[in-house]
N, C-alpha and C. Protein backbone atom coordinates (compact mmCIF):
# COMPACT_ATOMS: atom_id res chain seq x y z
N UNK A 1 -31.02 -17.51 -7.52
CA UNK A 1 -30.04 -18.36 -6.65
C UNK A 1 -30.22 -19.88 -7.38
N UNK A 2 -29.11 -20.41 -7.47
CA UNK A 2 -29.11 -21.77 -7.91
C UNK A 2 -29.64 -22.74 -6.82
N UNK A 3 -29.97 -23.92 -7.14
CA UNK A 3 -30.48 -24.97 -6.29
C UNK A 3 -29.40 -25.30 -5.38
N UNK A 4 -28.27 -25.46 -5.88
CA UNK A 4 -27.04 -25.93 -5.03
C UNK A 4 -26.74 -24.91 -4.11
N UNK A 5 -26.84 -23.41 -4.25
CA UNK A 5 -26.69 -22.36 -3.30
C UNK A 5 -27.89 -22.46 -2.22
N UNK A 6 -28.96 -22.75 -2.73
CA UNK A 6 -30.15 -22.96 -1.77
C UNK A 6 -29.88 -24.09 -0.65
N UNK A 7 -29.50 -25.14 -1.18
CA UNK A 7 -29.15 -26.19 -0.68
C UNK A 7 -27.97 -26.06 0.42
N UNK A 8 -27.11 -25.32 0.11
CA UNK A 8 -25.84 -25.05 0.85
C UNK A 8 -26.23 -24.28 2.15
N UNK A 9 -27.28 -23.42 1.96
CA UNK A 9 -27.63 -22.51 2.99
C UNK A 9 -28.27 -23.33 4.22
N UNK A 10 -28.81 -24.54 3.84
CA UNK A 10 -29.51 -25.29 4.78
C UNK A 10 -28.54 -26.50 5.38
N UNK A 11 -27.41 -26.61 5.00
CA UNK A 11 -26.48 -27.52 5.61
C UNK A 11 -25.99 -26.92 6.88
N UNK A 12 -25.89 -27.99 7.94
CA UNK A 12 -25.55 -27.40 9.23
C UNK A 12 -24.07 -27.10 9.25
N UNK A 13 -23.57 -25.76 9.83
CA UNK A 13 -22.25 -25.44 9.79
C UNK A 13 -21.37 -26.23 10.92
N UNK A 14 -20.19 -26.51 10.33
CA UNK A 14 -19.42 -27.33 11.38
C UNK A 14 -18.64 -26.29 12.48
N UNK A 15 -18.95 -26.34 13.67
CA UNK A 15 -18.73 -25.62 14.67
C UNK A 15 -17.81 -26.30 15.46
N UNK A 16 -16.58 -25.63 15.70
CA UNK A 16 -15.53 -26.29 16.53
C UNK A 16 -15.37 -25.68 18.05
N UNK A 17 -14.91 -26.41 18.84
CA UNK A 17 -14.33 -25.98 20.13
C UNK A 17 -13.09 -25.25 19.96
N UNK A 18 -12.75 -24.63 21.29
CA UNK A 18 -11.28 -23.97 21.32
C UNK A 18 -10.33 -25.00 20.74
N UNK A 19 -10.32 -26.17 21.40
CA UNK A 19 -9.36 -27.26 21.13
C UNK A 19 -9.30 -27.62 19.77
N UNK A 20 -10.54 -27.84 19.20
CA UNK A 20 -10.56 -28.32 17.74
C UNK A 20 -10.27 -27.17 16.82
N UNK A 21 -10.66 -26.03 17.01
CA UNK A 21 -10.09 -24.92 16.29
C UNK A 21 -8.63 -24.51 16.32
N UNK A 22 -7.96 -24.86 17.46
CA UNK A 22 -6.36 -24.65 17.60
C UNK A 22 -5.70 -25.63 16.76
N UNK A 23 -6.40 -26.87 16.86
CA UNK A 23 -5.89 -28.02 16.09
C UNK A 23 -6.01 -27.83 14.42
N UNK A 24 -7.13 -27.36 14.21
CA UNK A 24 -7.49 -26.99 12.82
C UNK A 24 -6.68 -25.95 12.19
N UNK A 25 -6.20 -25.00 13.06
CA UNK A 25 -5.40 -24.06 12.72
C UNK A 25 -3.83 -24.20 12.87
N UNK A 26 -3.64 -25.29 13.71
CA UNK A 26 -2.10 -25.45 13.95
C UNK A 26 -1.48 -24.36 14.85
N UNK A 27 -2.24 -23.96 15.87
CA UNK A 27 -1.72 -22.86 16.71
C UNK A 27 -2.10 -23.64 18.14
N UNK A 28 -1.29 -23.00 19.13
CA UNK A 28 -1.50 -23.30 20.71
C UNK A 28 -2.83 -22.73 21.14
N UNK A 29 -3.51 -23.34 21.88
CA UNK A 29 -4.71 -23.08 22.69
C UNK A 29 -4.52 -21.68 23.28
N UNK A 30 -3.40 -21.21 23.68
CA UNK A 30 -3.47 -19.79 24.37
C UNK A 30 -3.14 -18.78 23.31
N UNK A 31 -2.46 -19.23 22.17
CA UNK A 31 -2.53 -18.33 21.16
C UNK A 31 -3.87 -18.17 20.50
N UNK A 32 -4.71 -19.06 20.34
CA UNK A 32 -6.16 -18.82 19.79
C UNK A 32 -6.87 -18.04 20.68
N UNK A 33 -6.75 -18.32 21.96
CA UNK A 33 -7.44 -17.46 23.18
C UNK A 33 -7.11 -15.99 22.93
N UNK A 34 -5.78 -15.61 22.80
CA UNK A 34 -5.26 -14.43 22.71
C UNK A 34 -5.96 -13.74 21.42
N UNK A 35 -6.03 -14.50 20.33
CA UNK A 35 -6.63 -14.09 19.12
C UNK A 35 -7.99 -13.64 19.13
N UNK A 36 -8.66 -14.44 19.99
CA UNK A 36 -10.19 -14.14 20.23
C UNK A 36 -10.28 -12.95 21.07
N UNK A 37 -9.41 -12.78 22.07
CA UNK A 37 -9.57 -11.55 22.97
C UNK A 37 -9.40 -10.36 22.28
N UNK A 38 -8.45 -10.35 21.39
CA UNK A 38 -8.18 -9.27 20.41
C UNK A 38 -8.89 -9.00 19.13
N UNK A 39 -9.95 -9.93 19.05
CA UNK A 39 -11.02 -10.16 17.87
C UNK A 39 -10.18 -10.07 16.78
N UNK A 40 -9.14 -11.10 16.53
CA UNK A 40 -8.39 -11.20 15.46
C UNK A 40 -8.96 -12.17 14.59
N UNK A 41 -9.71 -13.20 15.01
CA UNK A 41 -10.18 -14.35 14.38
C UNK A 41 -11.67 -14.48 14.43
N UNK A 42 -12.34 -14.93 13.44
CA UNK A 42 -13.73 -15.02 13.61
C UNK A 42 -14.19 -16.19 14.53
N UNK A 43 -15.23 -15.86 15.38
CA UNK A 43 -15.74 -16.69 16.30
C UNK A 43 -17.12 -16.35 16.72
N UNK A 44 -17.95 -17.10 17.41
CA UNK A 44 -19.24 -17.02 17.82
C UNK A 44 -19.19 -17.18 19.29
N UNK A 45 -19.58 -16.13 20.07
CA UNK A 45 -19.52 -16.06 21.45
C UNK A 45 -20.96 -16.28 22.02
N UNK A 46 -21.28 -17.57 22.42
CA UNK A 46 -22.67 -17.83 22.87
C UNK A 46 -22.82 -17.37 24.26
N UNK A 47 -21.94 -17.17 25.09
CA UNK A 47 -21.91 -16.85 26.44
C UNK A 47 -20.77 -16.19 27.00
N UNK A 48 -20.51 -15.79 28.13
CA UNK A 48 -19.13 -15.59 28.62
C UNK A 48 -18.03 -16.49 28.37
N UNK A 49 -18.51 -17.73 28.67
CA UNK A 49 -17.49 -18.87 28.46
C UNK A 49 -17.46 -19.78 27.30
N UNK A 50 -18.50 -19.59 26.67
CA UNK A 50 -18.86 -20.49 25.46
C UNK A 50 -18.47 -19.87 24.09
N UNK A 51 -17.22 -20.18 23.48
CA UNK A 51 -16.94 -19.61 22.15
C UNK A 51 -16.99 -20.73 21.19
N UNK A 52 -17.55 -20.58 20.04
CA UNK A 52 -17.23 -21.71 19.07
C UNK A 52 -16.76 -20.91 17.76
N UNK A 53 -16.29 -21.95 16.80
CA UNK A 53 -15.65 -21.40 15.62
C UNK A 53 -16.07 -22.20 14.33
N UNK A 54 -16.70 -21.48 13.51
CA UNK A 54 -17.09 -22.10 11.95
C UNK A 54 -15.97 -22.53 11.34
N UNK A 55 -15.75 -23.78 11.03
CA UNK A 55 -14.52 -24.30 10.35
C UNK A 55 -14.39 -23.54 8.88
N UNK A 56 -15.43 -23.40 8.30
CA UNK A 56 -15.50 -22.88 6.87
C UNK A 56 -14.86 -21.22 7.11
N UNK A 57 -15.52 -20.50 8.27
CA UNK A 57 -14.84 -19.08 8.25
C UNK A 57 -13.35 -19.30 8.71
N UNK A 58 -12.86 -20.14 9.33
CA UNK A 58 -11.38 -20.28 9.85
C UNK A 58 -10.60 -20.52 8.51
N UNK A 59 -11.22 -21.47 7.72
CA UNK A 59 -10.48 -21.68 6.41
C UNK A 59 -10.50 -20.24 5.46
N UNK A 60 -11.68 -19.58 5.47
CA UNK A 60 -11.54 -18.24 4.82
C UNK A 60 -10.75 -17.30 5.21
N UNK A 61 -10.55 -17.23 6.68
CA UNK A 61 -9.68 -16.39 7.36
C UNK A 61 -8.18 -16.84 6.98
N UNK A 62 -7.86 -17.91 7.01
CA UNK A 62 -6.45 -18.43 6.70
C UNK A 62 -6.13 -18.14 5.19
N UNK A 63 -7.37 -18.33 4.28
CA UNK A 63 -6.92 -17.99 2.91
C UNK A 63 -6.75 -16.37 2.57
N UNK A 64 -7.34 -15.57 3.50
CA UNK A 64 -7.29 -14.26 3.27
C UNK A 64 -6.12 -13.61 3.83
N UNK A 65 -5.42 -14.54 4.89
CA UNK A 65 -4.09 -13.97 5.42
C UNK A 65 -2.95 -14.79 4.84
N UNK A 66 -3.13 -15.30 3.80
CA UNK A 66 -2.03 -16.00 3.31
C UNK A 66 -0.98 -15.09 2.60
N UNK A 67 0.34 -15.31 2.76
CA UNK A 67 1.20 -14.57 2.30
C UNK A 67 1.91 -15.20 1.17
N UNK A 68 2.09 -14.88 -0.13
CA UNK A 68 2.58 -15.64 -1.21
C UNK A 68 4.15 -15.62 -1.05
N UNK A 69 4.60 -16.63 -1.40
CA UNK A 69 6.14 -16.81 -1.60
C UNK A 69 6.84 -15.88 -2.46
N UNK A 70 8.03 -15.53 -1.98
CA UNK A 70 8.77 -14.41 -2.77
C UNK A 70 9.19 -15.16 -4.22
N UNK A 71 9.35 -14.33 -5.07
CA UNK A 71 9.91 -14.80 -6.50
C UNK A 71 11.45 -15.34 -6.23
N UNK A 72 11.87 -16.48 -7.05
CA UNK A 72 13.02 -16.74 -6.97
C UNK A 72 13.97 -15.69 -7.60
N UNK A 73 15.25 -15.57 -7.17
CA UNK A 73 16.29 -14.68 -7.62
C UNK A 73 16.28 -14.96 -9.25
N UNK A 74 16.32 -14.15 -10.14
CA UNK A 74 16.52 -14.14 -11.57
C UNK A 74 18.08 -14.57 -11.88
N UNK A 75 18.19 -14.78 -13.14
CA UNK A 75 19.58 -15.11 -13.39
C UNK A 75 20.79 -14.13 -13.43
N UNK A 76 20.51 -12.75 -13.16
CA UNK A 76 21.47 -11.62 -13.15
C UNK A 76 21.51 -11.35 -11.65
N UNK A 77 20.79 -12.12 -10.72
CA UNK A 77 20.92 -11.75 -9.25
C UNK A 77 21.71 -12.86 -8.60
N UNK A 78 22.33 -12.49 -7.59
CA UNK A 78 22.89 -13.53 -6.75
C UNK A 78 22.40 -13.14 -5.38
N UNK A 79 22.49 -14.35 -4.71
CA UNK A 79 22.12 -14.14 -3.14
C UNK A 79 23.35 -14.12 -2.25
N UNK A 80 23.32 -13.01 -1.54
CA UNK A 80 24.52 -12.68 -0.63
C UNK A 80 24.23 -13.40 0.64
N UNK A 81 25.28 -13.92 1.13
CA UNK A 81 25.24 -14.54 2.60
C UNK A 81 24.63 -15.83 2.70
N UNK A 82 24.61 -16.41 1.58
CA UNK A 82 23.98 -17.88 1.66
C UNK A 82 25.07 -18.93 1.96
N UNK A 83 24.58 -20.20 2.24
CA UNK A 83 25.57 -21.07 2.82
C UNK A 83 26.46 -21.48 1.77
N UNK A 84 27.69 -21.87 1.98
CA UNK A 84 28.89 -22.19 1.20
C UNK A 84 28.92 -23.48 1.03
C-alpha cells in the first residue's frame, strides 16, 4: 500500500445531511427520502431518524449511473420529425 493510500484512509469522510445530500445531487428532499426508503442510494443510518450520506459515495453512485450521450447521426442518416 502506498503512503498516499494509507494517508487517505485516515482522512475524515465528508458526511452530509439529507438537505446537503439533496443539494449535492440536485434532487428534491422528498426524492432523496424515497430513494433512501427503497435503498437505491448509499447512506448510513445511525438511528431511526438520523441518516447521513458520504459525499464521495454519492459521487461514485452518480458516476456509476451515468448514461452516455447517444452518438450523433451519421452522414447517411437523417433525423425524422425534427424542427423545420
